[in-house]
Amino acid sequence: MTNTRTALYRFFDADGRLLYVGITTNPDTRWASHKRSAAWWPLAERVTVDWHSERKDALAVELRIIRTEAPLYNMGGAPSPLRELAPGEQLCPMASADRFFAETGDRFGKGRMHMHEAIADVLCLDIREGRLPVGAACPSGTELVRRFGVSLGTVRRAMGHLVDAGLVVRRGMGSGTRYFIAEEAPLLSAGWVPARLRNPGQSDR
């Protein structure tokens, strides 16, 4: 790993909530990329930057922040519960491997699903077996974070899969977003299966 002076940056919204954490050697270029494509960019009101003399040190801090502060939009970067701890890190309740595996079984390992896919599959089963009845409000993001032991970003990504599958409908925007079981949800004889597992070679990351 190259030892390069690296910036660790954090974007916050107007209420001080941490939106995103990342690292870069060129903040201006990286932020221009966020401005073009990041859903959270319009919400950003403040940014902090801390420079580290080595990239590995910035990576360690980034991991610790993701695991313990749960940025709202670090979806793809949210670490797996199998990933080793950063130096000096203590696991927090929002990164519980025991809770995740108790709820998702072997979907993550033998099933070859990503974390957000495994959660979507479990919730699909809840819908199919009537634990989440048609028209009912889905559990809140906080409740699902507590249930599965993952970040809010991972929960949101899982819900996005169910919306795309027509099982769940999204109402509202931003912090007022709510999810409901679709009135005309498709009848499924099996659980939700990621497209990349139905069609090998396709990526859902």
Protein backbone atom coordinates (compact mmCIF):
# COMPACT_ATOMS: atom_id res chain seq x y z
CA MET A 1 0.00 0.00 0.00
CA THR A 2 1.46 3.35 -1.02
CA ASN A 3 2.23 5.77 1.77
CA THR A 4 0.78 9.03 0.45
CA ARG A 5 -0.42 12.10 2.32
CA THR A 6 -4.17 11.51 2.45
CA ALA A 7 -7.14 13.63 3.48
CA LEU A 8 -9.98 12.19 5.54
CA TYR A 9 -13.11 14.25 5.00
CA ARG A 10 -16.56 14.30 6.55
CA PHE A 11 -19.66 16.00 5.15
CA PHE A 12 -22.46 17.08 7.52
CA ASP A 13 -25.99 18.34 6.92
CA ALA A 14 -27.54 21.48 8.44
CA ASP A 15 -28.50 19.56 11.60
CA GLY A 16 -24.96 18.29 12.13
CA ARG A 17 -25.70 14.72 11.02
CA LEU A 18 -22.79 12.92 9.40
CA LEU A 19 -23.69 12.28 5.75
CA TYR A 20 -20.53 10.77 4.34
CA VAL A 21 -16.92 10.05 5.23
CA GLY A 22 -14.19 9.36 2.72
CA ILE A 23 -10.50 9.63 1.97
CA THR A 24 -8.68 11.19 -0.97
CA THR A 25 -5.35 12.63 -2.03
CA ASN A 26 -7.13 15.38 -4.00
CA PRO A 27 -10.20 16.83 -2.24
CA ASP A 28 -11.18 19.20 -5.06
CA THR A 29 -11.33 16.41 -7.65
CA ARG A 30 -13.09 14.01 -5.31
CA TRP A 31 -15.70 16.55 -4.28
CA ALA A 32 -16.37 17.45 -7.91
CA SER A 33 -17.16 13.78 -8.46
CA HIS A 34 -19.52 13.76 -5.45
CA LYS A 35 -21.23 16.88 -6.76
CA ARG A 36 -21.98 15.14 -10.06
CA SER A 37 -23.26 11.84 -8.68
CA ALA A 38 -23.84 11.74 -4.90
CA ALA A 39 -27.48 11.77 -3.76
CA TRP A 40 -26.45 13.41 -0.48
CA TRP A 41 -24.57 16.35 -2.05
CA PRO A 42 -27.54 18.80 -1.96
CA LEU A 43 -27.89 18.11 1.77
CA ALA A 44 -24.25 18.92 2.60
CA GLU A 45 -23.72 22.13 4.55
CA ARG A 46 -20.32 21.64 6.15
CA VAL A 47 -17.15 19.64 5.55
CA THR A 48 -14.18 18.90 7.76
CA VAL A 49 -10.79 17.71 6.49
CA ASP A 50 -8.01 16.01 8.47
CA TRP A 51 -4.75 15.20 6.73
CA HIS A 52 -2.80 12.02 7.49
CA SER A 53 0.81 11.46 6.52
CA GLU A 54 0.09 7.89 5.42
CA ARG A 55 -2.87 6.42 3.55
CA LYS A 56 -3.11 3.43 5.87
CA ASP A 57 -3.70 5.76 8.83
CA ALA A 58 -6.51 7.54 6.98
CA LEU A 59 -8.06 4.19 6.04
CA ALA A 60 -8.01 3.06 9.67
CA VAL A 61 -9.76 6.22 10.85
CA GLU A 62 -12.29 6.01 8.01
CA LEU A 63 -13.17 2.44 8.99
CA ARG A 64 -13.53 3.37 12.65
CA ILE A 65 -15.86 6.28 11.77
CA ILE A 66 -18.04 4.10 9.52
CA ARG A 67 -18.30 1.42 12.18
CA THR A 68 -18.99 3.72 15.12
CA GLU A 69 -20.64 6.87 13.74
CA ALA A 70 -22.81 5.29 11.00
CA PRO A 71 -22.66 7.92 8.22
CA LEU A 72 -26.05 8.09 6.50
CA TYR A 73 -24.76 7.54 2.96
CA ASN A 74 -21.70 5.29 3.20
CA MET A 75 -23.53 2.43 1.49
CA GLY A 76 -21.00 0.62 -0.65
CA GLY A 77 -18.23 1.47 1.80
CA ALA A 78 -19.98 0.23 4.92
CA PRO A 79 -17.78 -2.61 6.16
CA SER A 80 -18.82 -6.22 6.45
CA PRO A 81 -19.19 -7.56 10.01
CA LEU A 82 -16.45 -10.04 9.05
CA ARG A 83 -13.91 -7.30 8.43
CA GLU A 84 -11.18 -6.92 11.05
CA LEU A 85 -11.27 -4.01 13.45
CA ALA A 86 -9.31 -0.87 12.83
CA PRO A 87 -6.44 -0.25 15.28
CA GLY A 88 -7.84 0.69 18.68
CA GLU A 89 -11.44 0.25 17.53
CA GLN A 90 -14.22 -1.02 19.77
CA LEU A 91 -17.28 -2.53 18.14
CA CYS A 92 -20.45 -0.54 18.67
CA PRO A 93 -24.07 -1.84 18.71
CA MET A 94 -24.52 -0.80 15.06
CA ALA A 95 -21.93 -3.31 13.85
CA SER A 96 -22.97 -6.58 15.46
CA ALA A 97 -21.92 -9.67 13.54
CA ASP A 98 -23.83 -11.95 15.96
CA ARG A 99 -27.07 -10.09 15.35
CA PHE A 100 -26.58 -10.01 11.59
CA PHE A 101 -25.92 -13.74 11.27
CA ALA A 102 -28.70 -14.65 13.70
CA GLU A 103 -31.18 -12.87 11.40
CA THR A 104 -29.77 -13.78 7.97
CA GLY A 105 -28.42 -17.29 8.48
CA ASP A 106 -26.00 -18.45 5.79
CA ARG A 107 -27.16 -16.04 3.08
CA PHE A 108 -24.01 -13.93 3.44
CA GLY A 109 -21.61 -16.87 3.32
CA LYS A 110 -22.90 -19.93 1.46
CA GLY A 111 -25.63 -17.89 -0.22
CA ARG A 112 -23.03 -15.48 -1.68
CA MET A 113 -25.24 -12.48 -0.93
CA HIS A 114 -23.96 -9.06 0.07
CA MET A 115 -25.18 -7.73 3.40
CA HIS A 116 -27.89 -5.51 1.90
CA GLU A 117 -29.07 -8.41 -0.30
CA ALA A 118 -29.32 -10.80 2.64
CA ILE A 119 -31.43 -8.30 4.57
CA ALA A 120 -33.71 -7.78 1.55
CA ASP A 121 -34.20 -11.54 1.31
CA VAL A 122 -35.12 -11.84 5.00
CA LEU A 123 -37.64 -9.01 4.70
CA CYS A 124 -39.06 -10.60 1.56
CA LEU A 125 -39.66 -13.76 3.59
CA ASP A 126 -41.36 -11.69 6.29
CA ILE A 127 -43.70 -10.30 3.61
CA ARG A 128 -44.39 -13.67 2.01
CA GLU A 129 -45.20 -15.32 5.35
CA GLY A 130 -47.43 -12.47 6.54
CA ARG A 131 -45.26 -11.08 9.30
CA LEU A 132 -45.30 -7.84 7.33
CA PRO A 133 -48.89 -7.67 6.01
CA VAL A 134 -49.98 -5.94 2.82
CA GLY A 135 -50.41 -2.19 3.30
CA ALA A 136 -48.62 -2.13 6.64
CA ALA A 137 -45.80 0.27 7.41
CA CYS A 138 -42.38 -1.33 7.32
CA PRO A 139 -40.25 -1.20 10.46
CA SER A 140 -38.35 2.07 10.75
CA GLY A 141 -34.72 2.38 9.74
CA THR A 142 -33.74 2.53 13.40
CA GLU A 143 -35.65 -0.67 14.14
CA LEU A 144 -34.01 -2.49 11.24
CA VAL A 145 -30.56 -1.23 12.24
CA ARG A 146 -31.20 -2.63 15.70
CA ARG A 147 -32.54 -5.92 14.33
CA PHE A 148 -29.74 -6.64 11.86
CA GLY A 149 -26.80 -4.87 13.51
CA VAL A 150 -25.78 -2.96 10.37
CA SER A 151 -25.54 0.67 9.30
CA LEU A 152 -28.52 2.76 8.24
CA GLY A 153 -27.02 3.00 4.77
CA THR A 154 -27.07 -0.80 4.43
CA VAL A 155 -30.71 -0.89 5.57
CA ARG A 156 -31.65 1.77 3.02
CA ARG A 157 -29.95 -0.17 0.26
CA ALA A 158 -31.89 -3.30 1.24
CA MET A 159 -35.16 -1.37 1.15
CA GLY A 160 -34.22 -0.07 -2.29
CA HIS A 161 -34.07 -3.65 -3.54
CA LEU A 162 -37.58 -4.32 -2.26
CA VAL A 163 -38.87 -1.12 -3.85
CA ASP A 164 -37.34 -2.14 -7.18
CA ALA A 165 -38.96 -5.58 -6.87
CA GLY A 166 -42.40 -4.02 -6.32
CA LEU A 167 -42.72 -5.48 -2.82
CA VAL A 168 -42.46 -2.16 -1.00
CA VAL A 169 -43.49 1.39 -1.87
CA ARG A 170 -41.56 4.47 -0.79
CA ARG A 171 -43.42 7.58 0.34
CA GLY A 172 -41.96 10.95 1.24
CA MET A 173 -38.44 12.29 0.84
CA GLY A 174 -35.33 12.77 2.92
CA SER A 175 -35.78 12.27 6.66
CA GLY A 176 -39.55 11.94 6.08
CA THR A 177 -39.20 8.85 3.87
CA ARG A 178 -41.43 5.95 4.91
CA TYR A 179 -41.84 2.48 3.43
CA PHE A 180 -45.01 0.41 3.16
CA ILE A 181 -45.76 -3.11 1.98
CA ALA A 182 -47.19 -2.78 -1.53
CA GLU A 183 -50.94 -3.32 -1.88
CA GLU A 184 -50.32 -5.31 -5.05
CA ALA A 185 -47.04 -6.95 -4.14
CA PRO A 186 -46.06 -9.73 -6.57
CA LEU A 187 -46.70 -13.26 -5.34
CA LEU A 188 -43.37 -14.96 -4.72
CA SER A 189 -42.88 -18.69 -4.35
CA ALA A 190 -39.35 -18.10 -3.10
CA GLY A 191 -37.32 -15.30 -1.56
CA TRP A 192 -35.84 -12.25 -3.23
CA VAL A 193 -32.83 -13.15 -5.38
CA PRO A 194 -30.25 -10.57 -6.55
CA ALA A 195 -30.03 -10.11 -10.30
CA ARG A 196 -26.33 -10.98 -10.30
CA LEU A 197 -27.15 -14.42 -8.80
CA ARG A 198 -29.99 -14.97 -11.26
CA ASN A 199 -27.70 -13.86 -14.08
CA PRO A 200 -24.05 -14.73 -13.33
CA GLY A 201 -21.67 -12.03 -14.43
CA GLN A 202 -24.03 -9.16 -13.57
CA SER A 203 -23.09 -6.98 -10.58
CA ASP A 204 -25.52 -5.46 -8.06
CA ARG A 205 -22.86 -3.58 -6.08
